[in-house]
Amino acid sequence: MAAATHIGLIRVHHTLPNVAVSCPLSSVPRAVGGHCRLSKLPKRWMNIGGRNKTSRRLILALGASFWAQFTSMAAKRDGKSFVASAKHKGVVEEVLKSVEWPEQFPFKDEDFQRFDESSDSLFYETPRFVTHIDDYAIEALSKYYSEVFPPSNTPGVSMLDMCSSWVSHYPAGYKQERIVGVGMNEEELKRNPVLTEYIVQDLNMNPRLQFDDNSFDVITNVVSVDYLTKPIAVFKEMCRILKPGGLAIMSFSNRCFWTKAISIWTSTGDADHALIVGSYFHYAGGFEPPQAVDISPNAGRTDPMYVVYSRKLSTAQT
């Protein structure tokens, strides 16, 4: 199947693979700041069944019965698969509608492995004062936030920016009495002007969030949900610390540090990513059915931007 991928911060446009793809780390090109792009992976990187000891498999391991329903659903939409392309606005928004979820979480442990399993603390030790999506996507996300956030300076509102850094992409001038950042690099968090406090924490090592039950009105996560290796544990914690009716917003594009993104993310495409994030909400429990929104400003021409969101059920137990 076709694949168009940018590596460094890579741009992922995979469709669901039928084969395991191995990418030798030594063959990945390097650029200033660790960021580079490729329109397609060269054939020498598509080492199907390769024996290179330094490579690892990037494979989607969803149950066949789970994906069969989406093949069937796609056939009813003029034969166009959800996962074939997300360039046409609306494809991502459709994928979470009327989902019949399997009884059990359909992913395996190997789906949450990464090419680089070294310490995340080491990877994020050096601050990166850069943005990981282009200006058009940033503007689109900030605009979306302005439409769904509580008004600035609303009494009693608390917000959490999870996997935060030196910028949260909140609307210009946005303020609340309490906006907490949880991230990996203290220097980045110190520079974030929207935060009133921060915690340095590796959620892959310790997914337990250091907050009381029912503490936050809104939780955001910008282009980082693809790095979570224990997503169900993290989403359970999100549900615990959200106030009843609280809003969780996971946003993502088609870029990532590919060596640190989970296998199932690097093996799949935009619409699949919405389904994956939606599954986290569903299987964590305590959330309303998740919904997906395509806020891409210039489909196919600039960085896409997607949101999967849900609210904590008013009856959820914590």
Protein backbone atom coordinates (compact mmCIF):
# COMPACT_ATOMS: atom_id res chain seq x y z
CA MET A 1 0.00 0.00 0.00
CA ALA A 2 1.10 3.56 -0.57
CA ALA A 3 3.09 5.46 2.04
CA ALA A 4 4.16 9.08 2.06
CA THR A 5 6.19 9.85 5.14
CA HIS A 6 8.34 12.72 6.39
CA ILE A 7 11.02 11.72 8.86
CA GLY A 8 12.57 13.78 11.64
CA LEU A 9 9.37 15.27 12.66
CA ILE A 10 7.83 12.86 10.20
CA ARG A 11 4.68 13.38 8.22
CA VAL A 12 2.65 10.17 8.25
CA HIS A 13 0.19 9.32 5.46
CA HIS A 14 0.18 5.53 5.73
CA THR A 15 -2.90 3.50 5.04
CA LEU A 16 -3.43 0.35 7.05
CA PRO A 17 -0.55 -1.97 6.24
CA ASN A 18 -0.83 -5.65 5.45
CA VAL A 19 2.85 -6.23 6.07
CA ALA A 20 5.44 -5.48 8.70
CA VAL A 21 7.72 -2.59 7.76
CA SER A 22 11.23 -2.36 9.12
CA CYS A 23 13.15 0.91 9.16
CA PRO A 24 16.86 0.63 10.04
CA LEU A 25 17.72 3.50 12.35
CA SER A 26 21.12 3.95 10.74
CA SER A 27 19.52 4.77 7.39
CA VAL A 28 17.39 7.65 8.65
CA PRO A 29 18.64 11.00 7.34
CA ARG A 30 19.54 13.71 9.80
CA ALA A 31 19.07 17.45 9.55
CA VAL A 32 19.66 20.50 11.67
CA GLY A 33 17.63 20.22 14.85
CA GLY A 34 16.77 16.61 14.06
CA HIS A 35 13.99 17.65 11.68
CA CYS A 36 13.87 16.61 8.04
CA ARG A 37 11.24 15.63 5.53
CA LEU A 38 10.85 13.04 2.82
CA SER A 39 7.93 12.76 0.44
CA LYS A 40 8.22 8.98 0.48
CA LEU A 41 10.24 6.37 2.27
CA PRO A 42 12.94 5.06 -0.10
CA LYS A 43 12.53 1.43 -1.02
CA ARG A 44 15.67 0.52 0.87
CA TRP A 45 13.84 1.49 4.09
CA MET A 46 10.85 -0.67 3.29
CA ASN A 47 12.70 -3.81 4.34
CA ILE A 48 9.86 -6.29 4.22
CA GLY A 49 10.81 -9.24 6.37
CA GLY A 50 14.32 -7.84 6.70
CA ARG A 51 16.93 -9.39 8.99
CA ASN A 52 18.66 -6.21 10.10
CA LYS A 53 19.22 -6.63 13.84
CA THR A 54 18.99 -2.89 14.44
CA SER A 55 15.54 -2.62 12.92
CA ARG A 56 12.16 -3.17 14.50
CA ARG A 57 8.77 -3.94 13.08
CA LEU A 58 6.20 -1.21 12.68
CA ILE A 59 3.02 -3.20 12.48
CA LEU A 60 -0.69 -2.73 13.10
CA ALA A 61 -2.09 -5.60 15.11
CA LEU A 62 -5.80 -4.87 15.28
CA GLY A 63 -8.18 -7.80 15.25
CA ALA A 64 -9.56 -8.58 11.82
CA SER A 65 -13.13 -8.55 13.06
CA PHE A 66 -12.70 -5.01 14.38
CA TRP A 67 -11.46 -3.60 11.09
CA ALA A 68 -13.95 -5.63 9.06
CA GLN A 69 -16.77 -3.40 10.28
CA PHE A 70 -14.99 -0.33 8.96
CA THR A 71 -14.34 -1.98 5.61
CA SER A 72 -18.07 -2.68 5.45
CA MET A 73 -18.96 0.84 6.54
CA ALA A 74 -16.59 2.33 3.99
CA ALA A 75 -18.15 0.28 1.21
CA LYS A 76 -21.45 1.98 1.94
CA ARG A 77 -19.82 5.35 1.28
CA ASP A 78 -19.26 4.94 -2.47
CA GLY A 79 -16.56 2.37 -1.85
CA LYS A 80 -14.15 4.92 -0.41
CA SER A 81 -12.23 3.67 2.58
CA PHE A 82 -11.96 5.85 5.68
CA VAL A 83 -8.29 5.02 5.88
CA ALA A 84 -7.36 5.65 2.27
CA SER A 85 -6.93 9.39 2.61
CA ALA A 86 -7.75 12.21 4.96
CA LYS A 87 -7.16 14.98 2.44
CA HIS A 88 -10.89 15.32 1.83
CA LYS A 89 -12.42 17.22 4.72
CA GLY A 90 -14.93 15.12 6.57
CA VAL A 91 -13.22 11.73 6.32
CA VAL A 92 -11.74 11.98 9.81
CA GLU A 93 -14.99 13.37 11.20
CA GLU A 94 -16.92 10.34 9.99
CA VAL A 95 -14.72 7.64 11.47
CA LEU A 96 -16.04 7.89 15.05
CA LYS A 97 -19.70 8.04 14.14
CA SER A 98 -21.77 5.00 15.15
CA VAL A 99 -18.79 2.87 16.13
CA GLU A 100 -19.53 -0.61 17.41
CA TRP A 101 -16.54 -1.10 19.66
CA PRO A 102 -15.25 -4.63 20.37
CA GLU A 103 -15.82 -5.81 23.91
CA GLN A 104 -12.10 -5.85 24.68
CA PHE A 105 -9.43 -3.27 23.88
CA PRO A 106 -8.22 -4.47 20.46
CA PHE A 107 -4.57 -3.40 20.66
CA LYS A 108 -1.61 -5.45 21.83
CA ASP A 109 1.43 -4.50 23.88
CA GLU A 110 3.60 -4.50 20.77
CA ASP A 111 1.44 -1.75 19.26
CA PHE A 112 2.78 0.61 21.92
CA GLN A 113 6.44 -0.14 21.37
CA ARG A 114 8.69 2.50 19.83
CA PHE A 115 11.70 2.32 17.53
CA ASP A 116 13.66 4.07 20.28
CA GLU A 117 12.92 2.53 23.67
CA SER A 118 15.64 4.49 25.45
CA SER A 119 14.70 6.83 28.30
CA ASP A 120 12.26 9.55 27.28
CA SER A 121 13.86 11.76 29.91
CA LEU A 122 17.10 11.63 27.94
CA PHE A 123 15.33 12.30 24.64
CA TYR A 124 13.61 15.41 26.02
CA GLU A 125 16.54 16.53 28.18
CA THR A 126 17.52 19.29 25.74
CA PRO A 127 14.84 21.99 25.40
CA ARG A 128 13.35 22.48 21.94
CA PHE A 129 12.05 26.01 21.54
CA VAL A 130 10.40 25.21 18.23
CA THR A 131 6.86 24.55 17.08
CA HIS A 132 5.97 21.13 15.73
CA ILE A 133 3.15 22.18 13.41
CA ASP A 134 3.11 25.03 10.93
CA ASP A 135 1.61 28.47 11.55
CA TYR A 136 -1.62 27.65 9.71
CA ALA A 137 -2.28 24.62 11.92
CA ILE A 138 -1.40 26.62 15.05
CA GLU A 139 -3.85 29.34 14.06
CA ALA A 140 -6.56 26.76 13.38
CA LEU A 141 -6.04 25.11 16.76
CA SER A 142 -6.04 28.42 18.65
CA LYS A 143 -9.25 29.40 16.86
CA TYR A 144 -10.85 26.08 17.81
CA TYR A 145 -9.81 26.57 21.43
CA SER A 146 -11.38 30.04 21.40
CA GLU A 147 -14.68 28.45 20.40
CA VAL A 148 -14.77 25.68 23.02
CA PHE A 149 -12.81 27.00 26.02
CA PRO A 150 -14.52 28.70 28.96
CA PRO A 151 -14.24 32.49 28.62
CA SER A 152 -10.95 33.93 29.78
CA ASN A 153 -10.77 34.73 33.52
CA THR A 154 -13.84 32.68 34.42
CA PRO A 155 -13.92 32.29 38.22
CA GLY A 156 -13.19 28.78 39.45
CA VAL A 157 -11.97 27.37 36.12
CA SER A 158 -8.91 25.12 36.20
CA MET A 159 -7.18 23.76 33.10
CA LEU A 160 -4.47 21.21 32.43
CA ASP A 161 -2.17 21.20 29.42
CA MET A 162 -0.84 17.66 29.29
CA CYS A 163 2.47 16.88 27.55
CA SER A 164 3.04 20.62 27.61
CA SER A 165 6.10 22.59 26.52
CA TRP A 166 7.07 26.24 26.03
CA VAL A 167 3.86 27.02 24.14
CA SER A 168 0.31 25.68 24.52
CA HIS A 169 -1.32 27.34 21.48
CA TYR A 170 -4.11 28.74 23.63
CA PRO A 171 -5.80 31.89 22.25
CA ALA A 172 -3.73 35.06 22.54
CA GLY A 173 -4.10 36.61 25.98
CA TYR A 174 -6.10 33.67 27.34
CA LYS A 175 -5.98 33.42 31.13
CA GLN A 176 -7.50 31.43 33.95
CA GLU A 177 -6.74 31.44 37.65
CA ARG A 178 -5.18 27.99 37.31
CA ILE A 179 -3.57 26.57 34.17
CA VAL A 180 -1.23 23.68 34.92
CA GLY A 181 1.31 22.21 32.55
CA VAL A 182 2.61 18.64 32.77
CA GLY A 183 5.60 18.07 30.55
CA MET A 184 9.05 16.56 30.16
CA ASN A 185 11.37 19.56 30.06
CA GLU A 186 11.47 22.12 32.86
CA GLU A 187 13.16 24.82 30.81
CA GLU A 188 10.37 24.65 28.23
CA LEU A 189 7.66 24.71 30.88
CA LYS A 190 9.24 27.73 32.59
CA ARG A 191 9.00 29.66 29.31
CA ASN A 192 5.29 28.91 28.75
CA PRO A 193 3.48 32.22 29.45
CA VAL A 194 0.02 30.72 29.84
CA LEU A 195 0.91 28.36 32.70
CA THR A 196 0.37 29.32 36.31
CA GLU A 197 2.19 26.20 37.53
CA TYR A 198 3.86 23.13 36.09
CA ILE A 199 4.99 19.60 36.91
CA VAL A 200 7.81 17.71 35.21
CA GLN A 201 6.61 14.14 34.73
CA ASP A 202 7.21 11.24 32.34
CA LEU A 203 3.74 9.78 31.79
CA ASN A 204 5.22 6.69 30.16
CA MET A 205 7.06 5.91 33.37
CA ASN A 206 4.33 7.07 35.75
CA PRO A 207 0.86 7.66 34.27
CA ARG A 208 -0.59 8.65 37.66
CA LEU A 209 -1.48 12.35 37.50
CA GLN A 210 -0.63 14.27 40.66
CA PHE A 211 -3.98 15.96 41.17
CA ASP A 212 -7.11 15.45 43.24
CA ASP A 213 -10.28 13.97 41.80
CA ASN A 214 -12.57 16.37 39.94
CA SER A 215 -9.95 19.13 39.70
CA PHE A 216 -10.08 20.36 36.09
CA ASP A 217 -12.64 21.78 33.70
CA VAL A 218 -10.53 21.23 30.57
CA ILE A 219 -7.58 19.02 29.63
CA THR A 220 -5.63 19.64 26.42
CA ASN A 221 -2.94 17.63 24.68
CA VAL A 222 -1.32 19.01 21.52
CA VAL A 223 0.44 16.65 19.06
CA SER A 224 1.61 14.33 21.82
CA VAL A 225 -1.04 11.64 22.25
CA ASP A 226 0.98 9.53 19.79
CA TYR A 227 3.83 9.19 22.30
CA LEU A 228 1.78 7.64 25.12
CA THR A 229 2.75 4.01 25.74
CA LYS A 230 0.16 3.53 28.49
CA PRO A 231 -2.75 5.49 27.02
CA ILE A 232 -5.58 3.71 28.82
CA ALA A 233 -3.95 4.36 32.19
CA VAL A 234 -3.45 8.02 31.26
CA PHE A 235 -7.03 8.44 29.99
CA LYS A 236 -8.39 6.82 33.15
CA GLU A 237 -6.44 9.40 35.10
CA MET A 238 -7.80 12.17 32.89
CA CYS A 239 -11.30 11.00 33.68
CA ARG A 240 -10.52 10.91 37.39
CA ILE A 241 -9.21 14.47 37.58
CA LEU A 242 -11.78 16.05 35.26
CA LYS A 243 -14.83 17.60 36.84
CA PRO A 244 -18.14 15.99 35.79
CA GLY A 245 -18.87 17.34 32.33
CA GLY A 246 -15.23 18.40 31.94
CA LEU A 247 -13.78 18.52 28.44
CA ALA A 248 -10.73 16.59 27.17
CA ILE A 249 -9.27 17.73 23.84
CA MET A 250 -6.65 15.64 22.05
CA SER A 251 -5.27 17.35 18.94
CA PHE A 252 -2.83 15.92 16.42
CA SER A 253 -1.43 16.41 12.95
CA ASN A 254 0.55 14.06 10.72
CA ARG A 255 3.94 14.92 12.19
CA CYS A 256 5.87 13.23 14.96
CA PHE A 257 9.28 12.29 16.26
CA TRP A 258 8.93 8.94 14.58
CA THR A 259 11.43 7.07 16.76
CA LYS A 260 9.39 7.95 19.87
CA ALA A 261 5.88 7.56 18.47
CA ILE A 262 4.14 4.27 19.17
CA SER A 263 4.20 1.59 16.51
CA ILE A 264 0.48 1.64 15.79
CA TRP A 265 0.65 5.38 15.09
CA THR A 266 3.57 5.24 12.68
CA SER A 267 1.91 2.32 10.90
CA THR A 268 -1.36 4.10 10.15
CA GLY A 269 -2.89 7.28 8.74
CA ASP A 270 -4.92 10.27 9.84
CA ALA A 271 -8.37 8.69 9.99
CA ASP A 272 -6.93 5.67 11.78
CA HIS A 273 -5.37 8.01 14.33
CA ALA A 274 -8.76 9.49 15.14
CA LEU A 275 -10.11 5.99 15.65
CA ILE A 276 -7.16 5.06 17.87
CA VAL A 277 -7.58 8.13 20.08
CA GLY A 278 -11.33 7.56 20.19
CA SER A 279 -10.68 4.04 21.43
CA TYR A 280 -8.66 5.43 24.34
CA PHE A 281 -11.65 7.44 25.50
CA HIS A 282 -14.00 4.51 25.05
CA TYR A 283 -11.96 1.85 26.83
CA ALA A 284 -10.83 4.15 29.64
CA GLY A 285 -14.49 4.46 30.60
CA GLY A 286 -16.34 7.37 32.15
CA PHE A 287 -16.45 9.47 28.97
CA GLU A 288 -19.18 10.37 26.52
CA PRO A 289 -18.78 8.84 23.04
CA PRO A 290 -15.75 10.60 21.52
CA GLN A 291 -16.08 12.83 18.49
CA ALA A 292 -13.59 13.85 15.82
CA VAL A 293 -13.26 17.25 14.17
CA ASP A 294 -11.13 18.14 11.16
CA ILE A 295 -9.91 21.70 11.68
CA SER A 296 -7.30 21.54 8.90
CA PRO A 297 -7.00 25.04 7.42
CA ASN A 298 -5.84 24.12 3.90
CA ALA A 299 -6.52 20.48 3.16
CA GLY A 300 -3.59 18.87 1.40
CA ARG A 301 -1.55 22.09 1.18
CA THR A 302 -0.45 22.83 4.74
CA ASP A 303 -0.24 20.80 7.94
CA PRO A 304 -3.55 19.10 8.72
CA MET A 305 -5.00 19.46 12.20
CA TYR A 306 -7.45 17.12 13.87
CA VAL A 307 -9.20 17.01 17.23
CA VAL A 308 -10.72 14.08 19.07
CA TYR A 309 -12.61 15.19 22.14
CA SER A 310 -14.98 13.91 24.79
CA ARG A 311 -16.54 15.00 28.06
CA LYS A 312 -16.50 13.21 31.36
CA LEU A 313 -19.90 11.72 32.10
CA SER A 314 -21.74 13.58 34.81
CA THR A 315 -22.37 10.20 36.45
CA ALA A 316 -18.77 8.94 36.14
CA GLN A 317 -17.33 7.37 39.29
CA THR A 318 -13.86 8.49 40.42
